[in-house]
N, C-alpha and C. Protein backbone atom coordinates (compact mmCIF):
# COMPACT_ATOMS: atom_id res chain seq x y z
N UNK A 1 1.00 -1.23 0.10
CA UNK A 1 -0.33 -0.17 -0.73
C UNK A 1 0.68 0.88 -0.31
N UNK A 2 0.62 2.49 -1.21
CA UNK A 2 0.86 3.61 -0.83
C UNK A 2 0.51 4.51 -0.80
N UNK A 3 0.78 5.67 -0.30
CA UNK A 3 0.19 6.99 -0.10
C UNK A 3 0.50 7.78 -0.67
N UNK A 4 -0.17 9.01 -1.31
CA UNK A 4 -0.01 9.42 -2.39
C UNK A 4 -0.21 10.67 -2.21
N UNK A 5 0.45 12.17 -1.78
CA UNK A 5 1.09 13.57 -1.44
C UNK A 5 -0.02 14.17 -2.02
N UNK A 6 -0.96 15.07 -3.03
CA UNK A 6 -1.06 16.18 -3.23
C UNK A 6 -1.43 17.19 -2.61
N UNK A 7 -0.11 17.75 -3.70
CA UNK A 7 0.07 19.69 -2.79
C UNK A 7 0.96 20.64 -3.99
N UNK A 8 0.16 21.06 -4.52
CA UNK A 8 0.78 21.87 -5.28
C UNK A 8 1.82 23.62 -4.44
N UNK A 9 1.55 23.97 -3.10
CA UNK A 9 2.89 24.36 -2.34
C UNK A 9 3.15 23.33 -1.12
N UNK A 10 4.84 23.94 -0.83
CA UNK A 10 5.26 23.60 -0.08
C UNK A 10 5.13 23.88 1.85
N UNK A 11 3.97 24.44 1.40
CA UNK A 11 3.68 25.55 3.38
C UNK A 11 4.18 24.29 4.14
N UNK A 12 4.04 25.01 4.96
CA UNK A 12 5.15 24.51 6.53
C UNK A 12 3.86 23.16 7.35
N UNK A 13 2.59 23.44 6.96
CA UNK A 13 1.38 22.68 6.92
C UNK A 13 1.63 20.78 6.19
N UNK A 14 2.34 21.49 5.16
CA UNK A 14 2.36 20.40 4.19
C UNK A 14 3.48 19.04 4.81
N UNK A 15 4.54 20.84 4.79
CA UNK A 15 6.16 19.29 5.26
C UNK A 15 5.56 19.02 6.62
N UNK A 16 5.24 19.03 7.41
CA UNK A 16 4.80 18.02 8.94
C UNK A 16 3.79 17.05 8.59
N UNK A 17 2.80 17.01 7.53
CA UNK A 17 2.04 16.15 6.83
C UNK A 17 3.12 15.10 6.16
N UNK A 18 3.15 16.01 5.21
CA UNK A 18 4.36 14.98 4.48
C UNK A 18 5.23 13.95 5.78
N UNK A 19 5.57 14.71 6.52
CA UNK A 19 6.85 14.22 7.26
C UNK A 19 6.63 13.17 8.38
N UNK A 20 4.84 13.08 8.66
CA UNK A 20 4.14 11.67 9.68
C UNK A 20 3.76 11.42 8.37
N UNK A 21 3.64 11.12 7.99
CA UNK A 21 2.89 9.81 6.67
C UNK A 21 4.72 9.70 6.12
N UNK A 22 5.22 10.11 5.84
CA UNK A 22 6.69 9.48 4.93
C UNK A 22 6.69 8.16 7.31
N UNK A 23 6.83 8.80 8.38
CA UNK A 23 6.64 8.03 9.20
C UNK A 23 5.47 6.31 9.50
N UNK A 24 4.83 6.37 8.12
CA UNK A 24 3.56 5.34 8.94
C UNK A 24 3.79 4.49 7.88
N UNK A 25 4.79 5.78 6.80
CA UNK A 25 4.50 4.01 5.50
C UNK A 25 6.62 4.33 4.93
N UNK A 26 6.56 2.96 4.99
CA UNK A 26 8.02 3.04 4.44
C UNK A 26 8.69 4.21 3.33
N UNK A 27 10.24 4.53 2.92
CA UNK A 27 10.10 5.43 1.79
C UNK A 27 9.53 5.83 0.89
N UNK A 28 10.20 4.03 -0.02
CA UNK A 28 9.14 3.72 -0.87
C UNK A 28 7.36 4.05 -0.88
N UNK A 29 6.53 4.42 -0.15
CA UNK A 29 5.53 4.30 0.56
C UNK A 29 4.54 5.92 0.46
N UNK A 30 6.34 6.35 0.26
CA UNK A 30 5.24 7.80 0.13
C UNK A 30 5.63 8.34 -1.07
N UNK A 31 4.07 8.89 -1.53
CA UNK A 31 4.68 9.41 -3.18
C UNK A 31 4.48 11.07 -3.13
N UNK A 32 5.51 11.39 -3.46
CA UNK A 32 4.63 13.46 -3.72
C UNK A 32 3.76 13.24 -5.47
N UNK A 33 2.89 13.60 -5.49
CA UNK A 33 2.42 14.64 -7.05
C UNK A 33 3.11 15.12 -6.79
N UNK A 34 3.47 15.81 -8.39
CA UNK A 34 3.85 17.48 -8.83
C UNK A 34 2.63 17.56 -8.83
N UNK A 35 2.54 19.02 -9.33
CA UNK A 35 1.14 19.73 -9.29
C UNK A 35 0.78 20.01 -11.30
N UNK A 36 2.03 19.69 -11.72
CA UNK A 36 1.13 18.38 -13.27
C UNK A 36 0.48 17.72 -13.33
N UNK A 37 0.13 16.67 -12.44
CA UNK A 37 -0.09 15.38 -12.42
C UNK A 37 -1.28 15.87 -13.12
N UNK A 38 -0.79 13.63 -13.66
CA UNK A 38 -1.95 13.58 -14.59
C UNK A 38 -2.85 12.50 -13.97
N UNK A 39 -3.84 12.48 -13.73
CA UNK A 39 -4.24 10.76 -13.10
C UNK A 39 -3.56 10.07 -14.53
N UNK A 40 -3.61 8.89 -14.25
CA UNK A 40 -3.09 7.84 -14.52
C UNK A 40 -2.79 6.77 -13.91
N UNK A 41 -3.79 6.14 -13.58
CA UNK A 41 -3.06 4.12 -13.70
C UNK A 41 -1.95 3.75 -13.50
N UNK A 42 -1.82 3.73 -14.61
CA UNK A 42 -0.36 2.83 -15.07
C UNK A 42 1.02 3.70 -14.91
N UNK A 43 0.83 4.55 -15.55
CA UNK A 43 2.39 5.17 -14.98
C UNK A 43 2.10 5.60 -13.59
N UNK A 44 1.76 6.01 -12.48
CA UNK A 44 1.83 5.64 -12.05
C UNK A 44 1.18 4.62 -11.09
N UNK A 45 1.80 3.58 -11.48
CA UNK A 45 1.30 2.85 -10.50
C UNK A 45 0.97 2.87 -9.19
N UNK A 46 -0.53 3.66 -9.09
CA UNK A 46 -2.03 3.34 -7.95
C UNK A 46 -2.45 2.29 -7.99
N UNK A 47 -2.45 1.40 -7.12
CA UNK A 47 -3.91 0.58 -6.89
C UNK A 47 -4.71 1.31 -6.10
N UNK A 48 -5.97 0.60 -5.94
CA UNK A 48 -7.37 0.58 -5.71
C UNK A 48 -6.62 0.27 -3.72
N UNK A 49 -5.89 -0.18 -3.33
CA UNK A 49 -5.76 -0.51 -1.70
C UNK A 49 -5.01 1.18 -1.37
N UNK A 50 -4.77 2.29 -2.22
CA UNK A 50 -3.88 2.79 -1.88
C UNK A 50 -4.43 4.50 -1.61
N UNK A 51 -3.84 5.05 -0.89
CA UNK A 51 -4.33 6.31 -0.44
C UNK A 51 -4.27 6.94 -0.99
N UNK A 52 -5.25 8.50 -1.38
CA UNK A 52 -4.63 10.03 -2.10
C UNK A 52 -5.24 10.66 -1.74
N UNK A 53 -3.86 11.71 -0.43
CA UNK A 53 -4.05 12.83 -0.21
C UNK A 53 -4.01 13.81 -0.69
N UNK A 54 -5.02 14.51 -1.27
CA UNK A 54 -5.05 15.57 -1.88
C UNK A 54 -5.53 17.31 -1.01
N UNK A 55 -4.29 18.68 -1.57
CA UNK A 55 -4.18 19.33 -0.42
C UNK A 55 -4.60 20.62 -1.07
N UNK A 56 -5.96 21.25 -1.39
CA UNK A 56 -6.49 22.21 -2.46
C UNK A 56 -6.51 23.08 -1.59
N UNK A 57 -5.44 23.70 -2.75
CA UNK A 57 -5.98 25.15 -2.13
C UNK A 57 -6.80 26.25 -2.97
N UNK A 58 -7.51 25.62 -3.99
CA UNK A 58 -9.09 26.59 -4.76
C UNK A 58 -9.43 25.68 -5.39
N UNK A 59 -10.91 26.70 -5.87
CA UNK A 59 -11.27 25.35 -6.77
C UNK A 59 -11.30 24.77 -8.04
N UNK A 60 -10.61 25.35 -8.27
CA UNK A 60 -9.15 24.97 -10.24
C UNK A 60 -9.21 24.09 -9.48
N UNK A 61 -8.41 23.73 -8.48
CA UNK A 61 -6.68 21.86 -7.97
C UNK A 61 -9.19 21.50 -7.74
N UNK A 62 -10.19 21.36 -7.61
CA UNK A 62 -10.58 21.03 -6.39
C UNK A 62 -12.08 20.68 -8.77
N UNK A 63 -11.78 21.39 -9.65
CA UNK A 63 -12.34 21.32 -10.65
C UNK A 63 -11.91 20.48 -11.49
N UNK A 64 -10.09 20.28 -11.24
CA UNK A 64 -9.24 19.24 -12.18
C UNK A 64 -9.25 18.63 -11.76
N UNK A 65 -9.37 17.99 -10.30
CA UNK A 65 -9.83 16.39 -9.61
C UNK A 65 -11.21 16.33 -10.26
N UNK A 66 -12.24 16.86 -10.66
CA UNK A 66 -13.65 16.21 -10.85
C UNK A 66 -13.86 16.16 -11.83
N UNK A 67 -12.39 16.22 -13.29
CA UNK A 67 -13.09 16.21 -14.00
C UNK A 67 -12.36 14.53 -14.20
N UNK A 68 -11.93 14.14 -13.22
CA UNK A 68 -11.19 12.25 -12.88
C UNK A 68 -11.53 11.73 -11.96
N UNK A 69 -12.87 12.44 -11.50
CA UNK A 69 -13.66 12.09 -10.61
C UNK A 69 -13.93 9.99 -10.64
N UNK A 70 -14.12 9.75 -12.23
CA UNK A 70 -14.68 7.96 -11.97
C UNK A 70 -13.37 7.16 -12.05
N UNK A 71 -11.83 7.63 -12.05
CA UNK A 71 -10.76 6.78 -12.48
C UNK A 71 -10.16 7.20 -10.57
N UNK A 72 -11.25 7.78 -9.66
CA UNK A 72 -10.84 8.34 -8.89
C UNK A 72 -11.67 7.99 -7.23
N UNK A 73 -12.64 7.49 -8.39
CA UNK A 73 -13.60 6.13 -7.07
C UNK A 73 -12.94 4.68 -6.90
N UNK A 74 -12.20 4.60 -7.06
CA UNK A 74 -11.63 3.04 -6.67
C UNK A 74 -10.33 3.63 -5.59
N UNK A 75 -10.55 4.98 -5.85
CA UNK A 75 -9.52 4.48 -4.01
C UNK A 75 -9.75 5.59 -2.61
N UNK A 76 -8.85 5.38 -2.45
CA UNK A 76 -9.89 6.11 -0.50
C UNK A 76 -8.88 7.20 -0.81
N UNK A 77 -9.97 8.45 -1.05
CA UNK A 77 -8.91 10.03 -0.71
C UNK A 77 -9.38 10.23 0.83
N UNK A 78 -8.68 11.56 0.70
CA UNK A 78 -8.31 11.71 1.76
C UNK A 78 -8.34 13.86 1.21
N UNK A 79 -9.82 14.93 1.70
CA UNK A 79 -8.79 15.59 1.03
C UNK A 79 -9.01 17.11 2.14
N UNK A 80 -7.80 17.25 2.27
CA UNK A 80 -7.59 18.57 2.89
C UNK A 80 -7.82 20.10 2.01
N UNK A 81 -9.28 21.35 1.94
CA UNK A 81 -9.14 21.98 1.44
C UNK A 81 -8.39 23.99 2.56
N UNK A 82 -7.89 24.47 1.74
CA UNK A 82 -7.26 26.15 2.36
C UNK A 82 -8.26 25.71 2.66
N UNK A 83 -9.17 26.82 1.68
CA UNK A 83 -10.30 27.38 1.55
C UNK A 83 -11.58 26.20 2.90
N UNK A 84 -12.13 27.21 3.66
CA UNK A 84 -12.82 26.13 4.93
C UNK A 84 -14.16 26.86 3.95
N UNK A 85 -14.54 27.27 2.85
CA UNK A 85 -16.54 28.01 2.37
C UNK A 85 -17.12 26.56 2.40
N UNK A 86 -18.43 27.03 2.66
CA UNK A 86 -19.10 25.73 1.92
C UNK A 86 -19.01 25.31 0.71
N UNK A 87 -18.75 26.57 -0.23
CA UNK A 87 -18.67 25.84 -1.15
C UNK A 87 -17.85 25.37 -1.30
N UNK A 88 -17.25 25.89 -1.57
CA UNK A 88 -16.10 24.49 -1.39
C UNK A 88 -16.07 23.14 -0.79
N UNK A 89 -16.21 23.55 0.38
CA UNK A 89 -16.79 22.53 0.67
C UNK A 89 -17.94 21.14 -0.18
N UNK A 90 -18.83 22.10 -0.26
CA UNK A 90 -20.41 21.17 -0.96
C UNK A 90 -18.98 21.01 -2.80
N UNK A 91 -18.12 21.13 -3.56
CA UNK A 91 -17.32 20.86 -4.15
C UNK A 91 -16.09 19.66 -4.45
N UNK A 92 -16.19 19.17 -3.21
CA UNK A 92 -14.98 18.79 -2.79
C UNK A 92 -16.02 16.93 -2.40
N UNK A 93 -16.77 17.65 -2.11
CA UNK A 93 -18.05 16.52 -1.51
C UNK A 93 -18.01 15.10 -2.62
N UNK A 94 -18.37 16.45 -3.94
CA UNK A 94 -18.39 15.09 -5.40
C UNK A 94 -17.27 14.18 -5.24
N UNK A 95 -16.22 14.16 -5.00
CA UNK A 95 -15.26 13.18 -5.72
C UNK A 95 -15.33 12.89 -4.39
N UNK A 96 -16.35 12.55 -3.12
CA UNK A 96 -17.09 11.47 -2.27
C UNK A 96 -15.17 10.86 -1.63
N UNK A 97 -14.95 11.85 -1.06
CA UNK A 97 -13.13 11.31 -0.18
C UNK A 97 -14.06 11.29 1.60
N UNK A 98 -13.53 9.92 1.75
CA UNK A 98 -13.54 8.96 3.11
C UNK A 98 -13.70 10.13 4.18
N UNK A 99 -12.52 10.98 4.10
CA UNK A 99 -11.54 12.12 5.17
C UNK A 99 -12.07 13.15 4.08
N UNK A 100 -12.47 14.69 5.06
CA UNK A 100 -12.25 15.92 4.66
C UNK A 100 -12.35 17.11 5.46
N UNK A 101 -11.26 17.77 4.84
CA UNK A 101 -11.14 18.65 6.61
C UNK A 101 -10.19 19.20 6.15
N UNK A 102 -9.47 20.99 6.81
CA UNK A 102 -9.42 21.80 6.52
C UNK A 102 -8.36 21.61 7.46
N UNK A 103 -6.65 22.67 6.88
CA UNK A 103 -6.04 22.01 7.03
C UNK A 103 -5.60 23.45 8.11
N UNK A 104 -6.53 24.02 8.92
CA UNK A 104 -6.65 24.49 9.57
C UNK A 104 -6.54 24.01 10.69
N UNK A 105 -6.81 22.31 10.27
CA UNK A 105 -7.16 21.29 11.71
C UNK A 105 -6.01 20.49 11.66
N UNK A 106 -5.97 20.07 13.51
CA UNK A 106 -4.52 19.80 14.04
C UNK A 106 -4.27 18.54 13.10
N UNK A 107 -2.57 18.92 12.21
CA UNK A 107 -2.18 17.40 10.99
C UNK A 107 -2.62 15.74 12.41
N UNK A 108 -2.82 15.90 13.17
CA UNK A 108 -1.81 14.85 14.26
C UNK A 108 -3.69 13.78 14.17
N UNK A 109 -4.92 15.19 14.46
CA UNK A 109 -6.55 14.24 13.83
C UNK A 109 -6.19 13.84 12.55
N UNK A 110 -5.42 14.85 11.59
CA UNK A 110 -5.81 13.43 10.22
C UNK A 110 -4.65 12.57 10.01
N UNK A 111 -4.03 12.64 10.06
CA UNK A 111 -3.33 11.85 10.51
C UNK A 111 -3.19 10.19 11.59
N UNK A 112 -3.88 10.64 11.84
CA UNK A 112 -4.75 9.69 12.87
C UNK A 112 -6.09 8.51 12.03
N UNK A 113 -6.57 9.52 11.30
CA UNK A 113 -7.69 9.42 10.76
C UNK A 113 -7.51 8.85 9.89
N UNK A 114 -5.55 9.20 9.13
CA UNK A 114 -4.98 8.50 7.60
C UNK A 114 -4.73 6.84 8.07
N UNK A 115 -4.40 6.79 9.48
CA UNK A 115 -3.22 5.43 10.16
C UNK A 115 -4.52 4.45 10.67
N UNK A 116 -5.55 4.95 10.89
CA UNK A 116 -7.17 4.25 10.76
C UNK A 116 -7.01 3.73 9.32
N UNK A 117 -6.92 3.97 7.93
CA UNK A 117 -7.35 3.67 7.24
C UNK A 117 -6.33 3.17 6.49
N UNK A 118 -5.52 2.85 7.36
CA UNK A 118 -4.04 1.85 6.78
C UNK A 118 -3.87 0.68 7.88
N UNK A 119 -4.30 1.23 9.10
CA UNK A 119 -4.33 -0.41 9.26
C UNK A 119 -5.75 -1.68 8.90
N UNK A 120 -5.59 -2.59 9.01
CA UNK A 120 -6.19 -3.59 8.33
C UNK A 120 -7.43 -3.63 9.53
N UNK A 121 -8.45 -3.96 8.41
CA UNK A 121 -9.65 -4.02 9.66
C UNK A 121 -9.18 -5.55 10.22
N UNK A 122 -10.49 -5.47 11.60
CA UNK A 122 -10.18 -6.46 12.93
C UNK A 122 -11.61 -7.30 11.90
N UNK A 123 -12.42 -7.66 11.50
CA UNK A 123 -13.55 -7.77 10.73
C UNK A 123 -13.47 -8.94 9.85
């Protein structure tokens, strides 16, 4: 299982999040996706059990990923919004994330949710 992290900037929040995610998986298990990321399941070798964390700064980014909604449906999405407006949250819900929060939330709380997604189910 891999965790893919997408963000167009390298803010202190993203740096902290990246470091904490790297502690959850081995070095090869955390992949940073570049700003020009175009979803291509073959080239990135993203599998359905993988987690994709999207740190989205604005409407244009959400709309970019909404264009790939059908392809992203097989993945566990965590969306972290820089803009906490209701409009942005509504748009982001269109991607059907497992977890939606803002970058204002404590990083530890976000990591806790992702840890639960990483742990194998006990059922």
